């Protein structure tokens, strides 16, 4: 039993599987395409919203350092992802990496985790996009009926038609082909980055140095709580972290981490990259550097424009410009946010379909979903299935209280990938590695500890929901995946052949 749970899939076999005509994906992406994908998925609601939350509640103007801390945590994970993606250029990201190093059951766990992370992330972003679009329509004098915007509080019924329509439209684009997706993303990312740069440059003229005093606000004690909304580390050790002060910078980092989620999705497109050994590491690391730089610049500007204690929680950038007497920028920022969320939604859906496709190709999910489109060479079956399901979820459900599940799922994936790098270095030192994570095993160990620290700062309720999802995954694996996996079938065939 234990051997079956931890049987690994040979890396050479994983790569060979990608060459089967009916299960192969078209290679059409370059390093630039991957960098654009990374920037497109990372820059979303985080840069427009989380700056105010983190600055006002925990870090003050030092929120810029919180973005640096979160960026470093992601950077450590990015170096591990880059080695794996260049060594195992197969769809599936962390799922595929762990299958090659930790074994089938750990791979299933991380795959199941990614299904939750990316699906929920797509739905949450679609709902957020709908809110921005509805706001822009209201400003133009066009009012969408509440029952069709998911905001019908009178009857308790509402369907967010904008969120659902966005998901279905992006599903169609992803089915048609990755190159079309890359072109659409390039245009949208160009618009989004331009808006962010305008905010940074224009906002710099309204900075008042007095707003930076104090840069790191004085620490204030917080009462220890005993409910599930409190950070898990608080419940475990019976103490509460300080508000503000140096510790406030790290507490805020666990909040703004959401702003970085998505760079790992670049690794899911490795199989569709023309030169994955060279281009995937460039795409992952390049997009992370660009976005960290933009985040730090935006946080410095917004906390300089308005005192951190007066920042808005819902729309800090827009309200900061209003406070300086320039409300016109609020509309520009809302437009940039709406445009930005479009690419975030599409790339999360892309990553979700690729993980599902990889798991079905391995037999852990029905192989019906492992066939690619005869013309477009895209995994159209899982893309359509997931697109429809996520559109329904986004249409009917308000998911704001579940958004932290995306954080914990991503951090869990970071830990698995870092551990996998160490294991594969020991078990397969002969593998050709176009990119090598430096300082192994020290750097991956630091990556694990950093990710775990941020996980412990998430609410206990988030851990409980995550545990429930994982428990459901265990049931699915033991009743279906364990006996239907490709490795299980190979084992049975070998036993029948040898008579053992």
Protein backbone atom coordinates (compact mmCIF):
# COMPACT_ATOMS: atom_id res chain seq x y z
CA UNK A 1 0.00 0.00 0.00
CA UNK A 2 2.69 2.49 1.06
CA UNK A 3 4.73 1.73 -2.07
CA UNK A 4 1.67 2.36 -4.23
CA UNK A 5 0.94 5.70 -2.56
CA UNK A 6 4.47 6.97 -3.13
CA UNK A 7 5.20 5.52 -6.57
CA UNK A 8 6.79 8.21 -8.72
CA UNK A 9 6.29 8.89 -12.39
CA UNK A 10 9.51 8.74 -14.38
CA UNK A 11 10.40 12.18 -15.74
CA UNK A 12 11.32 10.75 -19.12
CA UNK A 13 7.89 9.09 -19.25
CA UNK A 14 6.18 12.37 -18.32
CA UNK A 15 7.91 14.10 -21.21
CA UNK A 16 7.17 11.17 -23.56
CA UNK A 17 3.45 11.41 -22.72
CA UNK A 18 3.40 14.96 -24.08
CA UNK A 19 4.41 13.63 -27.51
CA UNK A 20 1.31 11.47 -28.02
CA UNK A 21 -0.68 13.21 -30.81
CA UNK A 22 -4.09 13.12 -29.12
CA UNK A 23 -2.67 14.22 -25.75
CA UNK A 24 -0.14 16.81 -26.91
CA UNK A 25 -0.37 20.60 -26.66
CA UNK A 26 0.79 23.06 -29.31
CA UNK A 27 4.11 24.78 -28.54
CA UNK A 28 3.63 28.45 -29.42
CA UNK A 29 4.79 30.57 -26.46
CA UNK A 30 8.00 32.58 -26.03
CA UNK A 31 9.75 34.07 -23.00
CA UNK A 32 8.00 37.38 -23.70
CA UNK A 33 4.61 35.63 -23.82
CA UNK A 34 5.29 33.98 -20.46
CA UNK A 35 6.48 37.23 -18.87
CA UNK A 36 3.32 38.95 -20.12
CA UNK A 37 1.23 36.10 -18.72
CA UNK A 38 2.99 36.48 -15.37
CA UNK A 39 2.51 40.25 -15.21
CA UNK A 40 -1.05 39.81 -16.43
CA UNK A 41 -2.05 37.43 -13.66
CA UNK A 42 -0.10 39.05 -10.81
CA UNK A 43 -1.27 42.65 -11.25
CA UNK A 44 -4.90 42.59 -10.20
CA UNK A 45 -6.97 43.68 -7.23
CA UNK A 46 -3.92 43.57 -4.96
CA UNK A 47 -2.27 46.68 -6.35
CA UNK A 48 -5.55 48.61 -6.30
CA UNK A 49 -6.94 47.49 -2.92
CA UNK A 50 -4.53 45.74 -0.55
CA UNK A 51 -2.17 48.69 -0.23
CA UNK A 52 -4.74 50.62 1.79
CA UNK A 53 -5.73 47.68 3.98
CA UNK A 54 -2.18 46.76 4.93
CA UNK A 55 -1.00 50.35 5.44
CA UNK A 56 -3.95 51.43 7.55
CA UNK A 57 -4.19 48.34 9.75
CA UNK A 58 -0.67 47.04 10.30
CA UNK A 59 2.30 48.63 8.51
CA UNK A 60 1.73 52.34 7.85
CA UNK A 61 3.99 53.80 5.12
CA UNK A 62 6.30 50.80 5.69
CA UNK A 63 3.79 48.76 3.67
CA UNK A 64 6.28 49.17 0.84
CA UNK A 65 8.64 46.96 2.85
CA UNK A 66 5.79 44.46 3.33
CA UNK A 67 5.56 44.15 -0.44
CA UNK A 68 9.30 43.55 -0.54
CA UNK A 69 8.98 40.79 2.11
CA UNK A 70 6.13 39.12 0.23
CA UNK A 71 8.08 39.48 -3.02
CA UNK A 72 11.12 37.80 -1.44
CA UNK A 73 8.98 34.86 -0.25
CA UNK A 74 7.61 34.49 -3.76
CA UNK A 75 11.10 34.94 -5.21
CA UNK A 76 12.44 32.03 -3.17
CA UNK A 77 9.59 29.87 -4.46
CA UNK A 78 10.12 31.21 -7.99
CA UNK A 79 13.72 29.94 -8.05
CA UNK A 80 12.46 26.46 -7.12
CA UNK A 81 9.68 26.61 -9.72
CA UNK A 82 12.16 27.73 -12.37
CA UNK A 83 14.40 24.69 -11.84
CA UNK A 84 11.51 22.25 -12.02
CA UNK A 85 9.79 23.90 -14.97
CA UNK A 86 13.00 23.89 -17.00
CA UNK A 87 13.77 20.27 -16.04
CA UNK A 88 10.24 18.86 -16.39
CA UNK A 89 8.56 21.00 -19.10
CA UNK A 90 5.18 19.33 -18.68
CA UNK A 91 1.76 20.84 -17.99
CA UNK A 92 0.60 20.70 -14.39
CA UNK A 93 3.14 22.83 -12.50
CA UNK A 94 3.54 21.76 -8.85
CA UNK A 95 1.41 18.66 -9.44
CA UNK A 96 3.75 17.33 -12.12
CA UNK A 97 6.86 18.27 -10.13
CA UNK A 98 5.71 16.42 -7.00
CA UNK A 99 4.67 13.35 -9.04
CA UNK A 100 8.26 13.07 -10.24
CA UNK A 101 9.81 13.42 -6.78
CA UNK A 102 7.45 12.81 -3.86
CA UNK A 103 5.12 10.22 -5.35
CA UNK A 104 1.56 9.73 -6.55
CA UNK A 105 -0.38 10.48 -3.36
CA UNK A 106 1.50 13.73 -2.56
CA UNK A 107 1.05 14.68 -6.23
CA UNK A 108 -2.69 14.08 -5.95
CA UNK A 109 -2.83 16.24 -2.81
CA UNK A 110 -1.08 19.15 -4.48
CA UNK A 111 -3.13 18.73 -7.68
CA UNK A 112 -6.35 18.74 -5.68
CA UNK A 113 -5.07 21.80 -3.85
CA UNK A 114 -4.33 23.60 -7.12
CA UNK A 115 -7.82 22.77 -8.42
CA UNK A 116 -9.27 24.60 -5.42
CA UNK A 117 -6.81 27.49 -5.55
CA UNK A 118 -7.18 28.28 -9.25
CA UNK A 119 -10.93 27.64 -9.54
CA UNK A 120 -11.77 29.72 -6.50
CA UNK A 121 -9.32 32.40 -7.56
CA UNK A 122 -10.95 32.62 -10.99
CA UNK A 123 -14.43 32.95 -9.48
CA UNK A 124 -13.35 35.57 -6.93
CA UNK A 125 -11.61 37.66 -9.58
CA UNK A 126 -14.60 37.40 -11.94
CA UNK A 127 -16.90 38.72 -9.21
CA UNK A 128 -14.46 41.56 -8.49
CA UNK A 129 -14.29 42.41 -12.19
CA UNK A 130 -18.08 42.50 -12.33
CA UNK A 131 -18.16 45.01 -9.49
CA UNK A 132 -15.77 47.38 -11.29
CA UNK A 133 -17.70 47.08 -14.58
CA UNK A 134 -21.03 47.68 -12.82
CA UNK A 135 -19.53 50.78 -11.20
CA UNK A 136 -18.29 52.13 -14.52
CA UNK A 137 -21.71 51.46 -16.10
CA UNK A 138 -23.40 53.28 -13.22
CA UNK A 139 -21.13 56.28 -13.77
CA UNK A 140 -22.18 56.27 -17.42
CA UNK A 141 -25.86 56.21 -16.44
CA UNK A 142 -26.45 52.56 -17.34
CA UNK A 143 -27.82 50.63 -14.39
CA UNK A 144 -27.83 46.85 -14.47
CA UNK A 145 -30.82 45.28 -12.64
CA UNK A 146 -29.77 44.09 -9.19
CA UNK A 147 -31.08 40.59 -9.89
CA UNK A 148 -28.58 40.35 -12.76
CA UNK A 149 -25.61 41.78 -10.86
CA UNK A 150 -25.58 39.39 -7.91
CA UNK A 151 -26.61 42.25 -5.60
CA UNK A 152 -30.31 41.55 -5.07
CA UNK A 153 -30.53 41.80 -1.33
CA UNK A 154 -34.33 42.10 -1.22
CA UNK A 155 -35.22 38.61 -2.37
CA UNK A 156 -31.90 37.01 -1.55
CA UNK A 157 -31.62 35.85 -5.16
CA UNK A 158 -29.33 37.25 -7.75
CA UNK A 159 -27.20 36.06 -10.65
CA UNK A 160 -24.05 37.99 -11.47
CA UNK A 161 -24.42 37.85 -15.22
CA UNK A 162 -21.31 39.96 -15.85
CA UNK A 163 -19.06 37.62 -13.87
CA UNK A 164 -20.51 34.54 -15.57
CA UNK A 165 -20.28 36.11 -19.03
CA UNK A 166 -16.62 37.02 -18.50
CA UNK A 167 -15.70 33.46 -17.53
CA UNK A 168 -17.55 31.98 -20.52
CA UNK A 169 -15.95 34.44 -22.95
CA UNK A 170 -12.46 33.70 -21.64
CA UNK A 171 -13.20 29.97 -21.81
CA UNK A 172 -13.95 30.34 -25.53
CA UNK A 173 -10.69 32.26 -26.07
CA UNK A 174 -8.67 29.56 -24.27
CA UNK A 175 -10.30 26.81 -26.34
CA UNK A 176 -9.39 28.55 -29.61
CA UNK A 177 -5.69 28.61 -28.76
CA UNK A 178 -2.84 29.75 -26.56
CA UNK A 179 -1.39 32.15 -29.12
CA UNK A 180 -4.69 34.03 -29.31
CA UNK A 181 -4.75 34.06 -25.51
CA UNK A 182 -1.22 35.46 -25.50
CA UNK A 183 -2.15 38.22 -27.98
CA UNK A 184 -5.23 39.23 -26.00
CA UNK A 185 -3.19 39.20 -22.79
CA UNK A 186 -0.42 41.34 -24.33
CA UNK A 187 -2.86 44.08 -25.32
CA UNK A 188 -4.67 44.06 -21.97
CA UNK A 189 -1.44 43.97 -19.93
CA UNK A 190 -0.09 46.93 -21.91
CA UNK A 191 -3.18 48.95 -21.00
CA UNK A 192 -3.05 47.84 -17.36
CA UNK A 193 0.64 48.64 -16.86
CA UNK A 194 0.17 52.00 -18.59
CA UNK A 195 -2.57 52.91 -16.10
CA UNK A 196 -0.38 51.85 -13.16
CA UNK A 197 2.54 53.93 -14.48
CA UNK A 198 0.27 56.96 -14.90
CA UNK A 199 -0.85 56.55 -11.28
CA UNK A 200 2.78 56.35 -10.09
CA UNK A 201 4.02 59.29 -12.15
CA UNK A 202 1.01 61.55 -11.53
CA UNK A 203 0.80 60.63 -7.85
CA UNK A 204 4.46 61.49 -7.31
CA UNK A 205 3.60 65.18 -7.82
CA UNK A 206 1.16 65.11 -4.89
CA UNK A 207 3.42 63.45 -2.31
CA UNK A 208 3.78 65.26 1.02
CA UNK A 209 6.82 64.22 3.02
CA UNK A 210 4.92 64.70 6.28
CA UNK A 211 2.71 61.74 5.42
CA UNK A 212 5.72 59.45 5.83
CA UNK A 213 6.19 60.45 9.47
CA UNK A 214 6.37 58.02 11.16
CA UNK A 215 7.48 55.63 8.43
CA UNK A 216 7.12 52.66 10.80
CA UNK A 217 4.31 53.53 13.25
CA UNK A 218 4.80 52.69 16.92
CA UNK A 219 3.80 49.17 17.90
CA UNK A 220 0.46 48.72 19.65
CA UNK A 221 -0.63 45.63 21.55
CA UNK A 222 -3.55 43.64 20.26
CA UNK A 223 -5.81 41.55 22.44
CA UNK A 224 -5.42 37.83 21.86
CA UNK A 225 -8.58 36.38 20.37
CA UNK A 226 -10.02 32.91 20.69
CA UNK A 227 -12.24 32.72 17.62
CA UNK A 228 -11.59 31.14 14.26
CA UNK A 229 -11.06 34.54 12.62
CA UNK A 230 -7.82 34.94 14.59
CA UNK A 231 -4.52 33.88 12.98
CA UNK A 232 -3.73 30.23 13.61
CA UNK A 233 -0.42 31.10 15.25
CA UNK A 234 -2.30 33.23 17.76
CA UNK A 235 -4.55 30.31 18.76
CA UNK A 236 -1.62 27.90 18.91
CA UNK A 237 0.58 29.94 21.23
CA UNK A 238 -1.95 32.15 23.00
CA UNK A 239 -0.39 35.44 21.98
CA UNK A 240 -1.28 38.15 19.53
CA UNK A 241 1.12 39.94 17.22
CA UNK A 242 1.58 43.69 17.54
CA UNK A 243 -0.20 46.17 15.35
CA UNK A 244 2.42 48.28 13.55
CA UNK A 245 6.06 48.33 14.55
CA UNK A 246 8.55 46.05 12.81
CA UNK A 247 6.30 43.02 13.35
CA UNK A 248 3.51 44.92 11.61
CA UNK A 249 5.58 44.83 8.42
CA UNK A 250 5.61 41.02 8.49
CA UNK A 251 1.94 40.79 9.46
CA UNK A 252 1.07 43.02 6.52
CA UNK A 253 3.21 40.82 4.26
CA UNK A 254 0.80 37.92 4.87
CA UNK A 255 -2.02 40.23 3.72
CA UNK A 256 -0.38 41.67 0.60
CA UNK A 257 0.85 38.20 -0.39
CA UNK A 258 -2.48 37.83 -2.21
CA UNK A 259 -1.25 40.51 -4.60
CA UNK A 260 1.51 38.18 -5.85
CA UNK A 261 -0.59 35.09 -6.39
CA UNK A 262 -0.39 33.80 -9.93
CA UNK A 263 3.26 33.86 -10.97
CA UNK A 264 3.37 30.09 -10.48
CA UNK A 265 0.71 29.76 -13.17
CA UNK A 266 3.46 30.53 -15.69
CA UNK A 267 4.90 27.09 -14.93
CA UNK A 268 1.65 25.41 -15.99
CA UNK A 269 2.29 26.63 -19.57
CA UNK A 270 5.75 24.99 -19.80
CA UNK A 271 4.50 22.29 -22.17
CA UNK A 272 3.21 24.93 -24.59
CA UNK A 273 6.49 26.88 -24.67
CA UNK A 274 8.83 26.60 -27.64
CA UNK A 275 12.00 26.57 -25.52
CA UNK A 276 10.84 25.83 -21.95
CA UNK A 277 14.33 25.16 -20.55
CA UNK A 278 15.32 28.76 -21.29
CA UNK A 279 12.06 30.70 -21.44
CA UNK A 280 10.10 29.43 -18.41
CA UNK A 281 12.68 30.59 -15.81
CA UNK A 282 12.89 33.94 -17.59
CA UNK A 283 9.11 34.30 -17.62
CA UNK A 284 8.67 33.39 -13.94
CA UNK A 285 11.47 35.49 -12.51
CA UNK A 286 11.04 38.40 -14.93
CA UNK A 287 7.33 38.85 -14.21
CA UNK A 288 7.93 38.69 -10.46
CA UNK A 289 10.64 41.37 -10.57
CA UNK A 290 8.48 43.69 -12.69
CA UNK A 291 5.44 43.34 -10.44
CA UNK A 292 7.36 43.73 -7.17
CA UNK A 293 8.88 46.96 -8.50
CA UNK A 294 5.46 48.32 -9.46
CA UNK A 295 3.91 47.32 -6.13
CA UNK A 296 6.62 49.05 -4.10
CA UNK A 297 6.35 52.20 -6.23
CA UNK A 298 2.55 52.34 -5.89
CA UNK A 299 2.66 51.84 -2.12
CA UNK A 300 5.27 54.60 -1.70
CA UNK A 301 3.19 57.00 -3.79
CA UNK A 302 -0.20 56.33 -2.18
CA UNK A 303 1.10 56.59 1.41
CA UNK A 304 2.86 59.80 0.45
CA UNK A 305 -0.28 61.31 -1.07
CA UNK A 306 -2.49 60.64 1.95
CA UNK A 307 -1.81 59.87 5.63
CA UNK A 308 -1.89 56.11 6.12
CA UNK A 309 -4.50 56.41 8.88
CA UNK A 310 -6.87 58.13 6.46
CA UNK A 311 -6.48 55.72 3.57
CA UNK A 312 -9.60 54.04 2.20
CA UNK A 313 -9.90 50.29 2.58
CA UNK A 314 -11.98 49.70 -0.55
CA UNK A 315 -10.30 52.03 -3.05
CA UNK A 316 -7.12 53.55 -1.57
CA UNK A 317 -5.59 54.72 -4.84
CA UNK A 318 -8.75 56.32 -6.19
CA UNK A 319 -9.59 57.99 -2.88
CA UNK A 320 -6.02 59.23 -2.44
CA UNK A 321 -6.38 61.15 -5.69
CA UNK A 322 -9.78 62.46 -4.56
CA UNK A 323 -8.15 63.75 -1.38
CA UNK A 324 -5.76 65.82 -3.52
CA UNK A 325 -8.63 67.31 -5.53
CA UNK A 326 -8.20 65.12 -8.64
CA UNK A 327 -11.24 62.80 -8.76
CA UNK A 328 -10.79 62.23 -12.51
CA UNK A 329 -8.07 59.72 -11.71
CA UNK A 330 -10.59 57.60 -9.77
CA UNK A 331 -12.33 56.68 -13.03
CA UNK A 332 -8.99 55.93 -14.69
CA UNK A 333 -8.00 53.63 -11.80
CA UNK A 334 -11.36 51.82 -11.92
CA UNK A 335 -10.85 51.32 -15.65
CA UNK A 336 -7.34 49.97 -15.06
CA UNK A 337 -8.61 47.60 -12.38
CA UNK A 338 -11.38 46.28 -14.61
CA UNK A 339 -8.96 45.73 -17.50
CA UNK A 340 -6.40 44.16 -15.20
CA UNK A 341 -8.80 41.66 -13.69
CA UNK A 342 -9.69 40.38 -17.17
CA UNK A 343 -6.23 38.91 -17.68
CA UNK A 344 -6.03 37.67 -14.10
CA UNK A 345 -9.23 35.70 -14.61
CA UNK A 346 -8.12 34.27 -17.95
CA UNK A 347 -4.70 33.11 -16.79
CA UNK A 348 -6.05 31.54 -13.60
CA UNK A 349 -8.54 29.63 -15.75
CA UNK A 350 -5.70 28.64 -18.07
CA UNK A 351 -3.66 27.26 -15.17
CA UNK A 352 -6.68 25.44 -13.75
CA UNK A 353 -7.44 23.66 -17.03
CA UNK A 354 -3.77 22.62 -17.47
CA UNK A 355 -3.56 21.06 -14.01
CA UNK A 356 -6.84 19.21 -14.59
CA UNK A 357 -5.57 18.08 -18.01
CA UNK A 358 -2.30 16.76 -16.56
CA UNK A 359 -4.11 14.83 -13.83
CA UNK A 360 -6.50 13.25 -16.32
CA UNK A 361 -3.63 12.30 -18.63
CA UNK A 362 -2.09 10.43 -15.70
CA UNK A 363 -5.41 8.67 -15.02
CA UNK A 364 -5.98 10.24 -11.60
CA UNK A 365 -9.03 11.94 -13.12
CA UNK A 366 -11.09 10.49 -16.02
CA UNK A 367 -8.93 10.24 -19.15
CA UNK A 368 -11.86 11.60 -21.15
CA UNK A 369 -10.51 15.04 -20.25
CA UNK A 370 -6.98 14.33 -21.51
CA UNK A 371 -7.78 14.63 -25.24
CA UNK A 372 -6.77 17.83 -27.01
CA UNK A 373 -8.77 19.59 -29.73
CA UNK A 374 -7.91 18.14 -33.17
CA UNK A 375 -7.48 21.63 -34.67
CA UNK A 376 -6.48 23.98 -31.86
CA UNK A 377 -4.41 21.44 -29.85
CA UNK A 378 -5.82 22.81 -26.59
CA UNK A 379 -7.32 20.80 -23.68
CA UNK A 380 -10.81 21.88 -24.67
CA UNK A 381 -12.79 19.36 -22.62
CA UNK A 382 -11.51 20.35 -19.15
CA UNK A 383 -11.44 24.00 -20.23
CA UNK A 384 -15.13 23.94 -21.16
CA UNK A 385 -16.15 21.90 -18.11
CA UNK A 386 -14.30 24.13 -15.66
CA UNK A 387 -15.35 27.30 -17.44
CA UNK A 388 -19.04 26.42 -17.14
CA UNK A 389 -18.74 25.33 -13.50
CA UNK A 390 -16.77 28.44 -12.49
CA UNK A 391 -19.19 30.68 -14.39
CA UNK A 392 -22.09 29.24 -12.39
CA UNK A 393 -20.19 29.58 -9.10
CA UNK A 394 -19.18 33.16 -9.89
CA UNK A 395 -22.74 33.99 -10.94
CA UNK A 396 -24.49 32.72 -7.85
CA UNK A 397 -21.96 33.05 -5.06
CA UNK A 398 -20.30 35.87 -3.16
CA UNK A 399 -16.85 34.47 -2.44
CA UNK A 400 -15.11 37.25 -0.56
CA UNK A 401 -15.02 35.25 2.68
CA UNK A 402 -13.33 32.34 0.87
CA UNK A 403 -10.60 34.34 -0.86
CA UNK A 404 -8.03 33.45 1.81
CA UNK A 405 -8.29 29.83 0.67
CA UNK A 406 -6.45 30.95 -2.44
CA UNK A 407 -3.59 32.18 -0.24
CA UNK A 408 -3.24 29.00 1.78
CA UNK A 409 -3.45 26.82 -1.32
CA UNK A 410 -0.69 28.76 -3.05
CA UNK A 411 1.61 28.74 -0.03
CA UNK A 412 1.05 24.99 0.36
CA UNK A 413 2.10 24.52 -3.27
CA UNK A 414 5.23 26.62 -2.64
CA UNK A 415 6.23 24.31 0.22
CA UNK A 416 5.72 21.15 -1.86
CA UNK A 417 7.78 22.49 -4.78
CA UNK A 418 10.67 23.55 -2.51
CA UNK A 419 10.77 20.11 -0.86
CA UNK A 420 10.58 18.44 -4.28
CA UNK A 421 13.65 20.33 -5.50
CA UNK A 422 15.72 18.94 -2.61
CA UNK A 423 14.45 15.38 -3.13
CA UNK A 424 14.96 15.36 -6.91
CA UNK A 425 18.51 16.71 -6.54
CA UNK A 426 19.29 13.63 -4.42
CA UNK A 427 17.32 11.00 -6.36
CA UNK A 428 18.08 12.22 -9.91
CA UNK A 429 21.40 14.11 -9.87
CA UNK A 430 21.93 12.99 -13.48
CA UNK A 431 19.06 15.07 -14.90
CA UNK A 432 19.94 17.92 -17.22
CA UNK A 433 18.95 21.14 -15.47
CA UNK A 434 18.96 24.24 -17.68
CA UNK A 435 18.29 26.33 -14.59
CA UNK A 436 19.54 25.35 -11.14
CA UNK A 437 18.15 26.76 -7.91
CA UNK A 438 21.15 28.21 -6.02
CA UNK A 439 22.22 27.18 -2.51
CA UNK A 440 20.35 23.87 -2.37
CA UNK A 441 19.21 22.69 0.16
CA UNK A 442 19.52 25.94 2.16
CA UNK A 443 17.43 28.15 -0.14
CA UNK A 444 14.51 25.68 -0.53
CA UNK A 445 14.47 25.17 3.26
CA UNK A 446 14.26 28.94 3.79
CA UNK A 447 11.46 29.02 1.19
CA UNK A 448 9.53 26.36 3.14
CA UNK A 449 9.92 28.22 6.44
CA UNK A 450 8.93 31.58 4.91
CA UNK A 451 5.81 30.13 3.27
CA UNK A 452 4.86 28.29 6.47
CA UNK A 453 5.19 31.50 8.48
CA UNK A 454 2.75 33.32 6.20
CA UNK A 455 0.37 30.34 6.36
CA UNK A 456 0.37 30.50 10.16
CA UNK A 457 -0.69 34.14 9.95
CA UNK A 458 -3.89 33.16 8.11
CA UNK A 459 -7.14 32.73 10.09
CA UNK A 460 -7.82 29.36 11.73
CA UNK A 461 -11.12 29.26 9.83
CA UNK A 462 -9.19 29.23 6.57
CA UNK A 463 -7.18 26.23 7.79
CA UNK A 464 -10.42 24.44 8.70
CA UNK A 465 -11.95 24.96 5.26
CA UNK A 466 -8.71 23.89 3.63
CA UNK A 467 -8.69 20.69 5.72
CA UNK A 468 -12.25 19.88 4.65
CA UNK A 469 -11.35 20.28 0.97
CA UNK A 470 -8.30 18.06 1.44
CA UNK A 471 -10.44 15.41 3.18
CA UNK A 472 -12.77 15.33 0.17
CA UNK A 473 -9.70 14.92 -2.04
CA UNK A 474 -8.53 11.92 -0.01
CA UNK A 475 -11.87 10.22 -0.58
CA UNK A 476 -11.77 10.85 -4.34
CA UNK A 477 -8.23 9.53 -4.60
CA UNK A 478 -8.80 6.30 -2.67
CA UNK A 479 -12.08 5.51 -4.44
CA UNK A 480 -10.98 6.47 -7.97
CA UNK A 481 -7.48 7.86 -8.59
CA UNK A 482 -5.48 5.13 -6.83
CA UNK A 483 -6.87 2.32 -9.01
CA UNK A 484 -7.24 4.26 -12.28
CA UNK A 485 -3.85 5.96 -12.43
CA UNK A 486 -1.54 5.11 -15.30
CA UNK A 487 1.10 3.80 -12.91
CA UNK A 488 -1.44 1.49 -11.26
CA UNK A 489 -2.40 0.04 -14.64
CA UNK A 490 1.24 -0.43 -15.59
CA UNK A 491 1.80 -2.29 -12.32
CA UNK A 492 -1.13 -4.62 -12.94
CA UNK A 493 0.04 -5.29 -16.49
CA UNK A 494 3.54 -6.10 -15.25
CA UNK A 495 2.20 -8.49 -12.61
CA UNK A 496 0.00 -10.26 -15.17
CA UNK A 497 2.94 -10.59 -17.53
CA UNK A 498 5.30 -12.04 -14.91
CA UNK A 499 2.60 -14.01 -13.14
CA UNK A 500 3.45 -12.38 -9.79
